[in-house]
Amino acid sequence: MISTVTTTTVTTIASSTMAAGLGLAAVLCLIAFLIAKELLDAGTSVEGTGEGTAVAAPYPWVRPLSRALTVGIIPLLIGFGFIVLVRVMAVL
């Protein structure tokens, strides 16, 4: 009986530690993706020359890459919201 309780306790602690590590990795990845998207979006901005004409971004791959980052950002935002919800519910 004692060995079963001990095994269950160790498994539970290991699982919660692993979940916390994955949550931290997801949040760090979300931050990195948001920073990258913001920098790429800044690179795609169109600037006026003062004479009514506009200059396009010099790299055509920047805009598609910025849009592709959204594919990773949306699920990470959902996961972040879930992490925050669980932490708030644990406090209450």
PDB file of N, CA and C in Angstrom:
ATOM      1  N   MET A   1       0.821  -1.194   0.000  1.00  0.00           N
ATOM      2  CA  MET A   1       0.000   0.000   0.000  1.00  0.00           C
ATOM      3  C   MET A   1       0.863   1.254   0.000  1.00  0.00           C
ATOM      4  N   ILE A   2       1.901   1.292   0.816  1.00  0.00           N
ATOM      5  CA  ILE A   2       2.768   2.467   0.895  1.00  0.00           C
ATOM      6  C   ILE A   2       3.507   2.678  -0.419  1.00  0.00           C
ATOM      7  N   SER A   3       3.941   1.582  -1.052  1.00  0.00           N
ATOM      8  CA  SER A   3       4.664   1.733  -2.317  1.00  0.00           C
ATOM      9  C   SER A   3       3.750   2.269  -3.414  1.00  0.00           C
ATOM     10  N   THR A   4       2.476   1.923  -3.391  1.00  0.00           N
ATOM     11  CA  THR A   4       1.535   2.428  -4.388  1.00  0.00           C
ATOM     12  C   THR A   4       1.326   3.926  -4.200  1.00  0.00           C
ATOM     13  N   VAL A   5       1.161   4.376  -2.975  1.00  0.00           N
ATOM     14  CA  VAL A   5       0.980   5.797  -2.693  1.00  0.00           C
ATOM     15  C   VAL A   5       2.236   6.565  -3.075  1.00  0.00           C
ATOM     16  N   THR A   6       3.396   6.028  -2.749  1.00  0.00           N
ATOM     17  CA  THR A   6       4.647   6.692  -3.076  1.00  0.00           C
ATOM     18  C   THR A   6       4.837   6.801  -4.586  1.00  0.00           C
ATOM     19  N   THR A   7       4.536   5.744  -5.307  1.00  0.00           N
ATOM     20  CA  THR A   7       4.658   5.761  -6.763  1.00  0.00           C
ATOM     21  C   THR A   7       3.700   6.770  -7.381  1.00  0.00           C
ATOM     22  N   THR A   8       2.484   6.809  -6.881  1.00  0.00           N
ATOM     23  CA  THR A   8       1.489   7.754  -7.383  1.00  0.00           C
ATOM     24  C   THR A   8       1.918   9.188  -7.098  1.00  0.00           C
ATOM     25  N   THR A   9       2.443   9.425  -5.913  1.00  0.00           N
ATOM     26  CA  THR A   9       2.897  10.769  -5.547  1.00  0.00           C
ATOM     27  C   THR A   9       4.044  11.216  -6.439  1.00  0.00           C
ATOM     28  N   VAL A  10       5.004  10.350  -6.668  1.00  0.00           N
ATOM     29  CA  VAL A  10       6.150  10.693  -7.514  1.00  0.00           C
ATOM     30  C   VAL A  10       5.695  10.959  -8.944  1.00  0.00           C
ATOM     31  N   THR A  11       4.782  10.159  -9.452  1.00  0.00           N
ATOM     32  CA  THR A  11       4.273  10.353 -10.809  1.00  0.00           C
ATOM     33  C   THR A  11       3.526  11.680 -10.928  1.00  0.00           C
ATOM     34  N   THR A  12       2.739  12.012  -9.924  1.00  0.00           N
ATOM     35  CA  THR A  12       1.989  13.270  -9.943  1.00  0.00           C
ATOM     36  C   THR A  12       2.931  14.462  -9.912  1.00  0.00           C
ATOM     37  N   ILE A  13       3.935  14.411  -9.079  1.00  0.00           N
ATOM     38  CA  ILE A  13       4.894  15.517  -8.986  1.00  0.00           C
ATOM     39  C   ILE A  13       5.660  15.665 -10.295  1.00  0.00           C
ATOM     40  N   ALA A  14       6.078  14.551 -10.872  1.00  0.00           N
ATOM     41  CA  ALA A  14       6.805  14.604 -12.141  1.00  0.00           C
ATOM     42  C   ALA A  14       5.929  15.172 -13.260  1.00  0.00           C
ATOM     43  N   SER A  15       4.663  14.792 -13.277  1.00  0.00           N
ATOM     44  CA  SER A  15       3.747  15.287 -14.310  1.00  0.00           C
ATOM     45  C   SER A  15       3.511  16.783 -14.164  1.00  0.00           C
ATOM     46  N   SER A  16       3.317  17.251 -12.946  1.00  0.00           N
ATOM     47  CA  SER A  16       3.069  18.682 -12.743  1.00  0.00           C
ATOM     48  C   SER A  16       4.313  19.500 -13.058  1.00  0.00           C
ATOM     49  N   THR A  17       5.494  18.961 -12.756  1.00  0.00           N
ATOM     50  CA  THR A  17       6.738  19.661 -13.085  1.00  0.00           C
ATOM     51  C   THR A  17       6.916  19.749 -14.596  1.00  0.00           C
ATOM     52  N   MET A  18       6.615  18.671 -15.282  1.00  0.00           N
ATOM     53  CA  MET A  18       6.727  18.659 -16.742  1.00  0.00           C
ATOM     54  C   MET A  18       5.711  19.619 -17.368  1.00  0.00           C
ATOM     55  N   ALA A  19       4.509  19.662 -16.833  1.00  0.00           N
ATOM     56  CA  ALA A  19       3.482  20.572 -17.352  1.00  0.00           C
ATOM     57  C   ALA A  19       3.897  22.022 -17.150  1.00  0.00           C
ATOM     58  N   ALA A  20       4.494  22.325 -15.999  1.00  0.00           N
ATOM     59  CA  ALA A  20       4.952  23.689 -15.747  1.00  0.00           C
ATOM     60  C   ALA A  20       6.064  24.067 -16.717  1.00  0.00           C
ATOM     61  N   GLY A  21       6.950  23.142 -16.997  1.00  0.00           N
ATOM     62  CA  GLY A  21       8.022  23.402 -17.954  1.00  0.00           C
ATOM     63  C   GLY A  21       7.500  23.618 -19.357  1.00  0.00           C
ATOM     64  N   LEU A  22       6.506  22.836 -19.756  1.00  0.00           N
ATOM     65  CA  LEU A  22       5.904  23.014 -21.084  1.00  0.00           C
ATOM     66  C   LEU A  22       5.149  24.339 -21.175  1.00  0.00           C
ATOM     67  N   GLY A  23       4.502  24.721 -20.088  1.00  0.00           N
ATOM     68  CA  GLY A  23       3.805  26.007 -20.056  1.00  0.00           C
ATOM     69  C   GLY A  23       4.781  27.163 -20.203  1.00  0.00           C
ATOM     70  N   LEU A  24       5.908  27.068 -19.514  1.00  0.00           N
ATOM     71  CA  LEU A  24       6.930  28.106 -19.623  1.00  0.00           C
ATOM     72  C   LEU A  24       7.489  28.163 -21.039  1.00  0.00           C
ATOM     73  N   ALA A  25       7.736  27.009 -21.630  1.00  0.00           N
ATOM     74  CA  ALA A  25       8.247  26.966 -23.005  1.00  0.00           C
ATOM     75  C   ALA A  25       7.238  27.576 -23.979  1.00  0.00           C
ATOM     76  N   ALA A  26       5.960  27.300 -23.775  1.00  0.00           N
ATOM     77  CA  ALA A  26       4.923  27.851 -24.654  1.00  0.00           C
ATOM     78  C   ALA A  26       4.850  29.369 -24.530  1.00  0.00           C
ATOM     79  N   VAL A  27       4.941  29.883 -23.314  1.00  0.00           N
ATOM     80  CA  VAL A  27       4.878  31.333 -23.109  1.00  0.00           C
ATOM     81  C   VAL A  27       6.103  32.006 -23.727  1.00  0.00           C
ATOM     82  N   LEU A  28       7.279  31.423 -23.551  1.00  0.00           N
ATOM     83  CA  LEU A  28       8.492  31.999 -24.147  1.00  0.00           C
ATOM     84  C   LEU A  28       8.424  31.967 -25.669  1.00  0.00           C
ATOM     85  N   CYS A  29       7.883  30.897 -26.215  1.00  0.00           N
ATOM     86  CA  CYS A  29       7.719  30.789 -27.658  1.00  0.00           C
ATOM     87  C   CYS A  29       6.716  31.832 -28.164  1.00  0.00           C
ATOM     88  N   LEU A  30       5.648  32.044 -27.418  1.00  0.00           N
ATOM     89  CA  LEU A  30       4.665  33.066 -27.785  1.00  0.00           C
ATOM     90  C   LEU A  30       5.307  34.444 -27.795  1.00  0.00           C
ATOM     91  N   ILE A  31       6.103  34.750 -26.788  1.00  0.00           N
ATOM     92  CA  ILE A  31       6.777  36.050 -26.729  1.00  0.00           C
ATOM     93  C   ILE A  31       7.717  36.212 -27.924  1.00  0.00           C
ATOM     94  N   ALA A  32       8.478  35.165 -28.242  1.00  0.00           N
ATOM     95  CA  ALA A  32       9.402  35.237 -29.376  1.00  0.00           C
ATOM     96  C   ALA A  32       8.648  35.434 -30.692  1.00  0.00           C
ATOM     97  N   PHE A  33       7.537  34.728 -30.872  1.00  0.00           N
ATOM     98  CA  PHE A  33       6.750  34.870 -32.099  1.00  0.00           C
ATOM     99  C   PHE A  33       6.159  36.274 -32.208  1.00  0.00           C
ATOM    100  N   LEU A  34       5.657  36.812 -31.092  1.00  0.00           N
ATOM    101  CA  LEU A  34       5.074  38.155 -31.126  1.00  0.00           C
ATOM    102  C   LEU A  34       6.132  39.206 -31.450  1.00  0.00           C
ATOM    103  N   ILE A  35       7.322  39.057 -30.888  1.00  0.00           N
ATOM    104  CA  ILE A  35       8.408  39.999 -31.191  1.00  0.00           C
ATOM    105  C   ILE A  35       8.787  39.907 -32.663  1.00  0.00           C
ATOM    106  N   ALA A  36       8.939  38.677 -33.170  1.00  0.00           N
ATOM    107  CA  ALA A  36       9.303  38.493 -34.571  1.00  0.00           C
ATOM    108  C   ALA A  36       8.236  39.076 -35.499  1.00  0.00           C
ATOM    109  N   LYS A  37       6.968  38.846 -35.175  1.00  0.00           N
ATOM    110  CA  LYS A  37       5.889  39.376 -36.015  1.00  0.00           C
ATOM    111  C   LYS A  37       5.887  40.901 -36.002  1.00  0.00           C
ATOM    112  N   GLU A  38       6.110  41.483 -34.835  1.00  0.00           N
ATOM    113  CA  GLU A  38       6.132  42.941 -34.742  1.00  0.00           C
ATOM    114  C   GLU A  38       7.287  43.518 -35.558  1.00  0.00           C
ATOM    115  N   LEU A  39       8.456  42.892 -35.486  1.00  0.00           N
ATOM    116  CA  LEU A  39       9.594  43.372 -36.264  1.00  0.00           C
ATOM    117  C   LEU A  39       9.364  43.203 -37.759  1.00  0.00           C
ATOM    118  N   LEU A  40       8.766  42.088 -38.155  1.00  0.00           N
ATOM    119  CA  LEU A  40       8.474  41.881 -39.575  1.00  0.00           C
ATOM    120  C   LEU A  40       7.415  42.854 -40.072  1.00  0.00           C
ATOM    121  N   ASP A  41       6.411  43.130 -39.252  1.00  0.00           N
ATOM    122  CA  ASP A  41       5.384  44.097 -39.645  1.00  0.00           C
ATOM    123  C   ASP A  41       5.975  45.498 -39.776  1.00  0.00           C
ATOM    124  N   ALA A  42       6.942  45.817 -38.934  1.00  0.00           N
ATOM    125  CA  ALA A  42       7.597  47.117 -39.049  1.00  0.00           C
ATOM    126  C   ALA A  42       8.398  47.190 -40.345  1.00  0.00           C
ATOM    127  N   GLY A  43       8.898  46.056 -40.806  1.00  0.00           N
ATOM    128  CA  GLY A  43       9.645  46.027 -42.054  1.00  0.00           C
ATOM    129  C   GLY A  43       8.772  46.130 -43.281  1.00  0.00           C
ATOM    130  N   THR A  44       7.482  45.866 -43.153  1.00  0.00           N
ATOM    131  CA  THR A  44       6.583  45.932 -44.302  1.00  0.00           C
ATOM    132  C   THR A  44       5.844  47.255 -44.392  1.00  0.00           C
ATOM    133  N   SER A  45       6.100  48.160 -43.456  1.00  0.00           N
ATOM    134  CA  SER A  45       5.379  49.429 -43.494  1.00  0.00           C
ATOM    135  C   SER A  45       5.819  50.241 -44.707  1.00  0.00           C
ATOM    136  N   VAL A  46       4.900  50.987 -45.244  1.00  0.00           N
ATOM    137  CA  VAL A  46       5.161  51.816 -46.415  1.00  0.00           C
ATOM    138  C   VAL A  46       5.398  53.237 -45.934  1.00  0.00           C
ATOM    139  N   GLU A  47       6.497  53.795 -46.372  1.00  0.00           N
ATOM    140  CA  GLU A  47       6.839  55.150 -45.954  1.00  0.00           C
ATOM    141  C   GLU A  47       6.666  56.102 -47.133  1.00  0.00           C
ATOM    142  N   GLY A  48       6.131  57.262 -46.849  1.00  0.00           N
ATOM    143  CA  GLY A  48       5.996  58.273 -47.886  1.00  0.00           C
ATOM    144  C   GLY A  48       7.297  59.041 -48.052  1.00  0.00           C
ATOM    145  N   THR A  49       7.518  59.560 -49.233  1.00  0.00           N
ATOM    146  CA  THR A  49       8.737  60.325 -49.491  1.00  0.00           C
ATOM    147  C   THR A  49       8.496  61.819 -49.369  1.00  0.00           C
ATOM    148  N   GLY A  50       7.294  62.198 -49.025  1.00  0.00           N
ATOM    149  CA  GLY A  50       6.996  63.614 -48.879  1.00  0.00           C
ATOM    150  C   GLY A  50       6.426  64.226 -50.143  1.00  0.00           C
ATOM    151  N   GLU A  51       6.484  63.511 -51.250  1.00  0.00           N
ATOM    152  CA  GLU A  51       5.982  64.034 -52.516  1.00  0.00           C
ATOM    153  C   GLU A  51       4.719  63.322 -52.975  1.00  0.00           C
ATOM    154  N   GLY A  52       4.106  62.548 -52.069  1.00  0.00           N
ATOM    155  CA  GLY A  52       2.889  61.847 -52.425  1.00  0.00           C
ATOM    156  C   GLY A  52       3.128  60.449 -52.959  1.00  0.00           C
ATOM    157  N   THR A  53       4.368  60.039 -53.118  1.00  0.00           N
ATOM    158  CA  THR A  53       4.666  58.689 -53.582  1.00  0.00           C
ATOM    159  C   THR A  53       5.069  57.837 -52.390  1.00  0.00           C
ATOM    160  N   ALA A  54       4.956  56.544 -52.549  1.00  0.00           N
ATOM    161  CA  ALA A  54       5.279  55.623 -51.460  1.00  0.00           C
ATOM    162  C   ALA A  54       6.352  54.644 -51.927  1.00  0.00           C
ATOM    163  N   VAL A  55       7.150  54.186 -50.989  1.00  0.00           N
ATOM    164  CA  VAL A  55       8.203  53.218 -51.278  1.00  0.00           C
ATOM    165  C   VAL A  55       7.801  51.903 -50.633  1.00  0.00           C
ATOM    166  N   ALA A  56       7.793  50.816 -51.410  1.00  0.00           N
ATOM    167  CA  ALA A  56       7.412  49.502 -50.883  1.00  0.00           C
ATOM    168  C   ALA A  56       8.592  48.886 -50.135  1.00  0.00           C
ATOM    169  N   ALA A  57       8.292  47.855 -49.345  1.00  0.00           N
ATOM    170  CA  ALA A  57       9.331  47.140 -48.605  1.00  0.00           C
ATOM    171  C   ALA A  57      10.276  46.459 -49.592  1.00  0.00           C
ATOM    172  N   PRO A  58      11.590  46.451 -49.300  1.00  0.00           N
ATOM    173  CA  PRO A  58      12.552  45.895 -50.258  1.00  0.00           C
ATOM    174  C   PRO A  58      12.548  44.368 -50.323  1.00  0.00           C
ATOM    175  N   TYR A  59      11.995  43.682 -49.355  1.00  0.00           N
ATOM    176  CA  TYR A  59      12.018  42.220 -49.327  1.00  0.00           C
ATOM    177  C   TYR A  59      10.596  41.683 -49.471  1.00  0.00           C
ATOM    178  N   PRO A  60      10.297  40.999 -50.566  1.00  0.00           N
ATOM    179  CA  PRO A  60       8.926  40.520 -50.788  1.00  0.00           C
ATOM    180  C   PRO A  60       8.525  39.362 -49.882  1.00  0.00           C
ATOM    181  N   TRP A  61       9.451  38.674 -49.239  1.00  0.00           N
ATOM    182  CA  TRP A  61       9.142  37.523 -48.398  1.00  0.00           C
ATOM    183  C   TRP A  61       8.770  37.916 -46.971  1.00  0.00           C
ATOM    184  N   VAL A  62       8.920  39.189 -46.626  1.00  0.00           N
ATOM    185  CA  VAL A  62       8.669  39.622 -45.246  1.00  0.00           C
ATOM    186  C   VAL A  62       7.189  39.533 -44.899  1.00  0.00           C
ATOM    187  N   ARG A  63       6.334  40.006 -45.774  1.00  0.00           N
ATOM    188  CA  ARG A  63       4.890  39.998 -45.488  1.00  0.00           C
ATOM    189  C   ARG A  63       4.327  38.583 -45.369  1.00  0.00           C
ATOM    190  N   PRO A  64       4.644  37.644 -46.273  1.00  0.00           N
ATOM    191  CA  PRO A  64       4.141  36.274 -46.098  1.00  0.00           C
ATOM    192  C   PRO A  64       4.671  35.601 -44.824  1.00  0.00           C
ATOM    193  N   LEU A  65       5.912  35.893 -44.474  1.00  0.00           N
ATOM    194  CA  LEU A  65       6.463  35.322 -43.241  1.00  0.00           C
ATOM    195  C   LEU A  65       5.745  35.882 -42.028  1.00  0.00           C
ATOM    196  N   SER A  66       5.426  37.160 -42.058  1.00  0.00           N
ATOM    197  CA  SER A  66       4.686  37.772 -40.960  1.00  0.00           C
ATOM    198  C   SER A  66       3.302  37.140 -40.823  1.00  0.00           C
ATOM    199  N   ARG A  67       2.654  36.881 -41.950  1.00  0.00           N
ATOM    200  CA  ARG A  67       1.334  36.239 -41.903  1.00  0.00           C
ATOM    201  C   ARG A  67       1.436  34.792 -41.441  1.00  0.00           C
ATOM    202  N   ALA A  68       2.519  34.114 -41.811  1.00  0.00           N
ATOM    203  CA  ALA A  68       2.699  32.721 -41.403  1.00  0.00           C
ATOM    204  C   ALA A  68       2.916  32.601 -39.901  1.00  0.00           C
ATOM    205  N   LEU A  69       3.509  33.611 -39.300  1.00  0.00           N
ATOM    206  CA  LEU A  69       3.698  33.571 -37.847  1.00  0.00           C
ATOM    207  C   LEU A  69       2.371  33.573 -37.102  1.00  0.00           C
ATOM    208  N   THR A  70       1.346  34.118 -37.713  1.00  0.00           N
ATOM    209  CA  THR A  70       0.027  34.133 -37.087  1.00  0.00           C
ATOM    210  C   THR A  70      -0.485  32.714 -36.859  1.00  0.00           C
ATOM    211  N   VAL A  71      -0.097  31.790 -37.721  1.00  0.00           N
ATOM    212  CA  VAL A  71      -0.521  30.397 -37.582  1.00  0.00           C
ATOM    213  C   VAL A  71      -0.021  29.816 -36.259  1.00  0.00           C
ATOM    214  N   GLY A  72       1.155  30.205 -35.833  1.00  0.00           N
ATOM    215  CA  GLY A  72       1.678  29.734 -34.556  1.00  0.00           C
ATOM    216  C   GLY A  72       1.225  30.566 -33.376  1.00  0.00           C
ATOM    217  N   ILE A  73       0.970  31.842 -33.607  1.00  0.00           N
ATOM    218  CA  ILE A  73       0.616  32.745 -32.511  1.00  0.00           C
ATOM    219  C   ILE A  73      -0.774  32.442 -31.962  1.00  0.00           C
ATOM    220  N   ILE A  74      -1.730  32.159 -32.810  1.00  0.00           N
ATOM    221  CA  ILE A  74      -3.116  31.959 -32.357  1.00  0.00           C
ATOM    222  C   ILE A  74      -3.244  30.782 -31.391  1.00  0.00           C
ATOM    223  N   PRO A  75      -2.718  29.576 -31.699  1.00  0.00           N
ATOM    224  CA  PRO A  75      -2.835  28.499 -30.712  1.00  0.00           C
ATOM    225  C   PRO A  75      -2.046  28.769 -29.432  1.00  0.00           C
ATOM    226  N   LEU A  76      -0.920  29.464 -29.555  1.00  0.00           N
ATOM    227  CA  LEU A  76      -0.153  29.801 -28.355  1.00  0.00           C
ATOM    228  C   LEU A  76      -0.907  30.806 -27.483  1.00  0.00           C
ATOM    229  N   LEU A  77      -1.639  31.720 -28.100  1.00  0.00           N
ATOM    230  CA  LEU A  77      -2.469  32.645 -27.322  1.00  0.00           C
ATOM    231  C   LEU A  77      -3.593  31.902 -26.600  1.00  0.00           C
ATOM    232  N   ILE A  78      -4.174  30.923 -27.265  1.00  0.00           N
ATOM    233  CA  ILE A  78      -5.219  30.119 -26.617  1.00  0.00           C
ATOM    234  C   ILE A  78      -4.623  29.354 -25.438  1.00  0.00           C
ATOM    235  N   GLY A  79      -3.453  28.769 -25.637  1.00  0.00           N
ATOM    236  CA  GLY A  79      -2.778  28.065 -24.543  1.00  0.00           C
ATOM    237  C   GLY A  79      -2.416  29.001 -23.407  1.00  0.00           C
ATOM    238  N   PHE A  80      -1.959  30.202 -23.734  1.00  0.00           N
ATOM    239  CA  PHE A  80      -1.631  31.186 -22.702  1.00  0.00           C
ATOM    240  C   PHE A  80      -2.870  31.569 -21.906  1.00  0.00           C
ATOM    241  N   GLY A  81      -3.977  31.761 -22.609  1.00  0.00           N
ATOM    242  CA  GLY A  81      -5.230  32.078 -21.915  1.00  0.00           C
ATOM    243  C   GLY A  81      -5.647  30.956 -20.980  1.00  0.00           C
ATOM    244  N   PHE A  82      -5.465  29.711 -21.424  1.00  0.00           N
ATOM    245  CA  PHE A  82      -5.798  28.568 -20.578  1.00  0.00           C
ATOM    246  C   PHE A  82      -4.890  28.515 -19.349  1.00  0.00           C
ATOM    247  N   ILE A  83      -3.606  28.783 -19.528  1.00  0.00           N
ATOM    248  CA  ILE A  83      -2.666  28.794 -18.396  1.00  0.00           C
ATOM    249  C   ILE A  83      -3.064  29.858 -17.390  1.00  0.00           C
ATOM    250  N   VAL A  84      -3.392  31.047 -17.884  1.00  0.00           N
ATOM    251  CA  VAL A  84      -3.809  32.131 -16.980  1.00  0.00           C
ATOM    252  C   VAL A  84      -5.084  31.755 -16.252  1.00  0.00           C
ATOM    253  N   LEU A  85      -6.037  31.170 -16.968  1.00  0.00           N
ATOM    254  CA  LEU A  85      -7.302  30.763 -16.352  1.00  0.00           C
ATOM    255  C   LEU A  85      -7.072  29.740 -15.249  1.00  0.00           C
ATOM    256  N   VAL A  86      -6.228  28.760 -15.506  1.00  0.00           N
ATOM    257  CA  VAL A  86      -5.950  27.737 -14.491  1.00  0.00           C
ATOM    258  C   VAL A  86      -5.274  28.345 -13.277  1.00  0.00           C
ATOM    259  N   ARG A  87      -4.325  29.258 -13.496  1.00  0.00           N
ATOM    260  CA  ARG A  87      -3.634  29.893 -12.363  1.00  0.00           C
ATOM    261  C   ARG A  87      -4.597  30.764 -11.546  1.00  0.00           C
ATOM    262  N   VAL A  88      -5.495  31.474 -12.216  1.00  0.00           N
ATOM    263  CA  VAL A  88      -6.466  32.308 -11.488  1.00  0.00           C
ATOM    264  C   VAL A  88      -7.427  31.426 -10.698  1.00  0.00           C
ATOM    265  N   MET A  89      -7.886  30.326 -11.307  1.00  0.00           N
ATOM    266  CA  MET A  89      -8.795  29.433 -10.609  1.00  0.00           C
ATOM    267  C   MET A  89      -8.108  28.778  -9.409  1.00  0.00           C
ATOM    268  N   ALA A  90      -6.796  28.532  -9.485  1.00  0.00           N
ATOM    269  CA  ALA A  90      -6.069  27.942  -8.366  1.00  0.00           C
ATOM    270  C   ALA A  90      -5.986  28.916  -7.193  1.00  0.00           C
ATOM    271  N   VAL A  91      -5.900  30.211  -7.513  1.00  0.00           N
ATOM    272  CA  VAL A  91      -5.837  31.222  -6.450  1.00  0.00           C
ATOM    273  C   VAL A  91      -7.190  31.368  -5.782  1.00  0.00           C
ATOM    274  N   LEU A  92      -8.250  31.321  -6.565  1.00  0.00           N
ATOM    275  CA  LEU A  92      -9.604  31.487  -6.011  1.00  0.00           C
ATOM    276  C   LEU A  92      -9.980  30.185  -5.374  1.00  0.00           C
TER     277      LEU A  92
END
